[in-house]
Amino acid sequence: MLPDDPDAQARLFYLALLGMVLAGGVFYHYRARLGAAVQHAAIWLLIFLGVTIAYGFKDQLSSQLYPGTARPVDERTIELRRADDGHFYARVRVNGAEIRFMVDTGATNLVLSRQDARRIGLAMDSLNYLLPSSTANGTVYGAGVVLERVELGGFVDTDVRAVVNGGQMNISLLGLTYLDRFRRFSVEGDRLLLSR
């Protein structure tokens, strides 16, 4: 059925004519090699299907390729996907450097490992490890610091209080003092939702 609009009819006619010219050119090019034409058409069809499928599963692919990357759900909510080990991880930009944190609701503070504290440019020689923290491995002392800028999934905070752990830590912890900056955080299946 043809559209009523003359401009739409003209566009349809132009596209049909263009399609016939392209099809004629392809047929002429492959006139003696029909098998090659079918093979090339199948390859292009597979490429098209692959791109379509990849786009349809882009969120799942993104969480596998870039674990810990916060993705927006809407204007005020971001989500993190659960990792294979059952924990939630977040890639957070701190003072311009990207740091990988484990989300830990059992940790009171945002806690930086000494390696990550060095990466963000803290003067390690001037830190005083006077703040005691009870952990599964006993009491550990940390140094209180203030982070100029912390960014997670588009949410930016300034002057964020944190602790540099005086003991050995493999990964920094995103604890409650930071999570409490969100109006709500909840776990829904394999998603951690953070809303402001």
Protein backbone atom coordinates (compact mmCIF):
# COMPACT_ATOMS: atom_id res chain seq x y z
CA MET A 1 0.00 0.00 0.00
CA LEU A 2 1.44 3.33 -1.05
CA PRO A 3 1.59 6.25 1.39
CA ASP A 4 -0.70 9.23 0.72
CA ASP A 5 2.05 11.83 1.05
CA PRO A 6 3.63 12.65 -2.35
CA ASP A 7 7.06 13.20 -0.73
CA ALA A 8 6.89 9.78 0.95
CA GLN A 9 5.87 8.23 -2.41
CA ALA A 10 8.84 9.90 -4.11
CA ARG A 11 11.22 8.62 -1.41
CA LEU A 12 9.78 5.11 -1.72
CA PHE A 13 10.16 5.21 -5.50
CA TYR A 14 13.76 6.46 -5.17
CA LEU A 15 14.65 3.73 -2.65
CA ALA A 16 13.04 1.04 -4.85
CA LEU A 17 14.96 2.31 -7.88
CA LEU A 18 18.21 2.44 -5.88
CA GLY A 19 17.58 -1.11 -4.62
CA MET A 20 17.02 -2.38 -8.17
CA VAL A 21 20.21 -0.69 -9.41
CA LEU A 22 22.25 -2.17 -6.54
CA ALA A 23 20.70 -5.63 -6.99
CA GLY A 24 21.36 -5.43 -10.75
CA GLY A 25 24.97 -4.42 -10.14
CA VAL A 26 25.52 -7.29 -7.71
CA PHE A 27 23.85 -9.76 -10.09
CA TYR A 28 25.98 -8.51 -12.99
CA HIS A 29 29.17 -8.71 -10.89
CA TYR A 30 28.43 -12.27 -9.73
CA ARG A 31 26.71 -13.51 -12.95
CA ALA A 32 29.28 -16.27 -13.47
CA ARG A 33 29.86 -16.99 -9.76
CA LEU A 34 26.49 -17.66 -8.16
CA GLY A 35 28.07 -19.81 -5.42
CA ALA A 36 30.39 -16.96 -4.37
CA ALA A 37 27.43 -14.55 -4.33
CA VAL A 38 25.48 -16.84 -1.98
CA GLN A 39 28.56 -17.26 0.23
CA HIS A 40 29.16 -13.49 0.46
CA ALA A 41 25.48 -12.83 1.16
CA ALA A 42 25.56 -15.43 3.96
CA ILE A 43 28.65 -13.81 5.48
CA TRP A 44 27.00 -10.37 5.48
CA LEU A 45 23.83 -11.85 6.95
CA LEU A 46 25.85 -13.47 9.77
CA ILE A 47 27.66 -10.18 10.44
CA PHE A 48 24.32 -8.35 10.60
CA LEU A 49 22.86 -10.98 12.96
CA GLY A 50 25.99 -10.88 15.14
CA VAL A 51 25.83 -7.10 15.50
CA THR A 52 22.10 -7.27 16.27
CA ILE A 53 22.60 -9.94 18.94
CA ALA A 54 25.58 -8.09 20.47
CA TYR A 55 23.51 -4.91 20.68
CA GLY A 56 20.63 -6.81 22.30
CA PHE A 57 22.95 -8.22 24.97
CA LYS A 58 25.10 -5.11 25.38
CA ASP A 59 24.42 -4.79 29.12
CA GLN A 60 25.44 -8.38 29.83
CA LEU A 61 28.50 -8.09 27.58
CA SER A 62 29.50 -4.81 29.22
CA SER A 63 29.28 -6.31 32.71
CA GLN A 64 31.48 -9.22 31.60
CA LEU A 65 34.04 -7.10 29.74
CA TYR A 66 34.11 -4.24 32.28
CA PRO A 67 33.15 -5.67 35.68
CA GLY A 68 32.44 -3.06 38.30
CA THR A 69 31.36 -0.43 35.81
CA ALA A 70 28.30 1.42 37.07
CA ARG A 71 25.54 1.66 34.49
CA PRO A 72 22.69 4.17 34.63
CA VAL A 73 19.19 2.82 35.20
CA ASP A 74 17.57 6.25 35.09
CA GLU A 75 18.53 9.84 35.95
CA ARG A 76 18.92 9.14 39.66
CA THR A 77 19.84 5.44 39.81
CA ILE A 78 22.89 3.41 38.82
CA GLU A 79 23.48 -0.32 39.04
CA LEU A 80 26.40 -2.62 39.64
CA ARG A 81 26.35 -6.30 38.62
CA ARG A 82 27.37 -9.08 40.99
CA ALA A 83 30.73 -10.65 40.10
CA ASP A 84 31.28 -14.39 39.75
CA ASP A 85 32.66 -14.56 43.31
CA GLY A 86 29.34 -13.24 44.71
CA HIS A 87 30.62 -9.74 45.60
CA PHE A 88 29.85 -6.37 44.06
CA TYR A 89 32.78 -4.35 42.76
CA ALA A 90 32.85 -0.73 41.63
CA ARG A 91 35.27 1.18 39.46
CA VAL A 92 35.45 4.56 41.15
CA ARG A 93 37.42 7.58 39.98
CA VAL A 94 39.18 9.06 43.02
CA ASN A 95 41.16 12.29 42.59
CA GLY A 96 41.36 11.48 38.87
CA ALA A 97 42.61 7.87 39.20
CA GLU A 98 40.39 4.84 38.62
CA ILE A 99 40.33 2.56 41.67
CA ARG A 100 38.60 -0.81 41.95
CA PHE A 101 36.61 -1.12 45.18
CA MET A 102 34.73 -4.00 46.72
CA VAL A 103 31.34 -2.86 48.01
CA ASP A 104 31.33 -3.79 51.71
CA THR A 105 28.30 -2.88 53.82
CA GLY A 106 30.17 -4.39 56.80
CA ALA A 107 32.86 -1.71 56.52
CA THR A 108 32.10 1.55 58.28
CA ASN A 109 34.34 3.73 56.11
CA LEU A 110 35.54 4.13 52.60
CA VAL A 111 38.88 2.36 53.08
CA LEU A 112 41.84 2.67 50.73
CA SER A 113 44.64 0.18 50.50
CA ARG A 114 48.10 1.75 50.73
CA GLN A 115 48.73 0.92 47.06
CA ASP A 116 45.57 2.74 45.98
CA ALA A 117 46.36 5.67 48.30
CA ARG A 118 49.69 6.06 46.49
CA ARG A 119 47.97 5.85 43.09
CA ILE A 120 45.68 8.78 43.89
CA GLY A 121 48.63 10.89 45.01
CA LEU A 122 48.34 10.95 48.80
CA ALA A 123 51.52 11.89 50.66
CA MET A 124 52.11 8.56 52.38
CA ASP A 125 54.95 9.84 54.61
CA SER A 126 52.66 12.36 56.29
CA LEU A 127 49.89 9.90 57.25
CA ASN A 128 49.30 9.06 60.92
CA TYR A 129 47.84 5.61 61.47
CA LEU A 130 45.95 6.32 64.68
CA LEU A 131 42.36 5.22 63.96
CA PRO A 132 41.65 1.68 65.26
CA SER A 133 39.34 -0.63 63.32
CA SER A 134 38.15 -4.07 64.37
CA THR A 135 38.47 -6.63 61.58
CA ALA A 136 38.27 -10.40 61.30
CA ASN A 137 42.06 -10.39 61.63
CA GLY A 138 42.06 -8.25 64.77
CA THR A 139 42.59 -4.54 65.27
CA VAL A 140 44.10 -2.60 62.38
CA TYR A 141 45.05 1.07 62.45
CA GLY A 142 44.26 3.51 59.70
CA ALA A 143 44.95 7.11 58.76
CA GLY A 144 42.09 9.54 58.24
CA VAL A 145 42.17 11.45 54.93
CA VAL A 146 39.87 13.66 52.90
CA LEU A 147 39.48 12.84 49.19
CA GLU A 148 39.04 15.86 46.94
CA ARG A 149 36.80 14.14 44.38
CA VAL A 150 35.05 10.77 44.21
CA GLU A 151 33.03 9.83 41.12
CA LEU A 152 30.86 6.74 40.66
CA GLY A 153 28.61 6.34 37.63
CA GLY A 154 28.23 10.07 37.04
CA PHE A 155 27.63 10.93 40.70
CA VAL A 156 30.37 13.27 41.93
CA ASP A 157 31.18 13.97 45.59
CA THR A 158 33.83 16.31 46.95
CA ASP A 159 35.64 16.37 50.28
CA VAL A 160 34.90 12.73 51.06
CA ARG A 161 36.26 11.36 54.32
CA ALA A 162 38.13 8.07 54.01
CA VAL A 163 40.68 5.91 55.81
CA VAL A 164 43.97 4.59 54.49
CA ASN A 165 44.47 1.12 55.95
CA GLY A 166 47.75 0.64 57.77
CA GLY A 167 47.71 -3.13 57.28
CA GLN A 168 47.86 -5.29 54.19
CA MET A 169 44.80 -5.08 51.93
CA ASN A 170 44.38 -6.51 48.45
CA ILE A 171 41.49 -4.22 47.50
CA SER A 172 39.96 -0.99 48.71
CA LEU A 173 36.53 -1.07 50.36
CA LEU A 174 33.47 1.03 49.60
CA GLY A 175 31.90 1.21 53.05
CA LEU A 176 28.83 2.76 54.63
CA THR A 177 30.09 6.33 55.03
CA TYR A 178 30.15 6.54 51.24
CA LEU A 179 27.07 4.38 50.56
CA ASP A 180 25.04 6.53 52.97
CA ARG A 181 25.44 9.41 50.52
CA PHE A 182 22.84 7.60 48.42
CA ARG A 183 19.17 7.97 49.27
CA ARG A 184 18.72 4.23 48.85
CA PHE A 185 20.79 1.19 47.99
CA SER A 186 19.36 -2.26 47.57
CA VAL A 187 20.21 -5.65 46.12
CA GLU A 188 17.79 -7.07 43.57
CA GLY A 189 19.03 -10.45 42.39
CA ASP A 190 22.44 -9.88 40.82
CA ARG A 191 22.06 -6.09 40.76
CA LEU A 192 23.05 -3.53 43.36
CA LEU A 193 20.94 -0.41 42.82
CA LEU A 194 22.17 2.95 44.14
CA SER A 195 19.73 5.89 44.00
CA ARG A 196 20.04 9.59 44.85
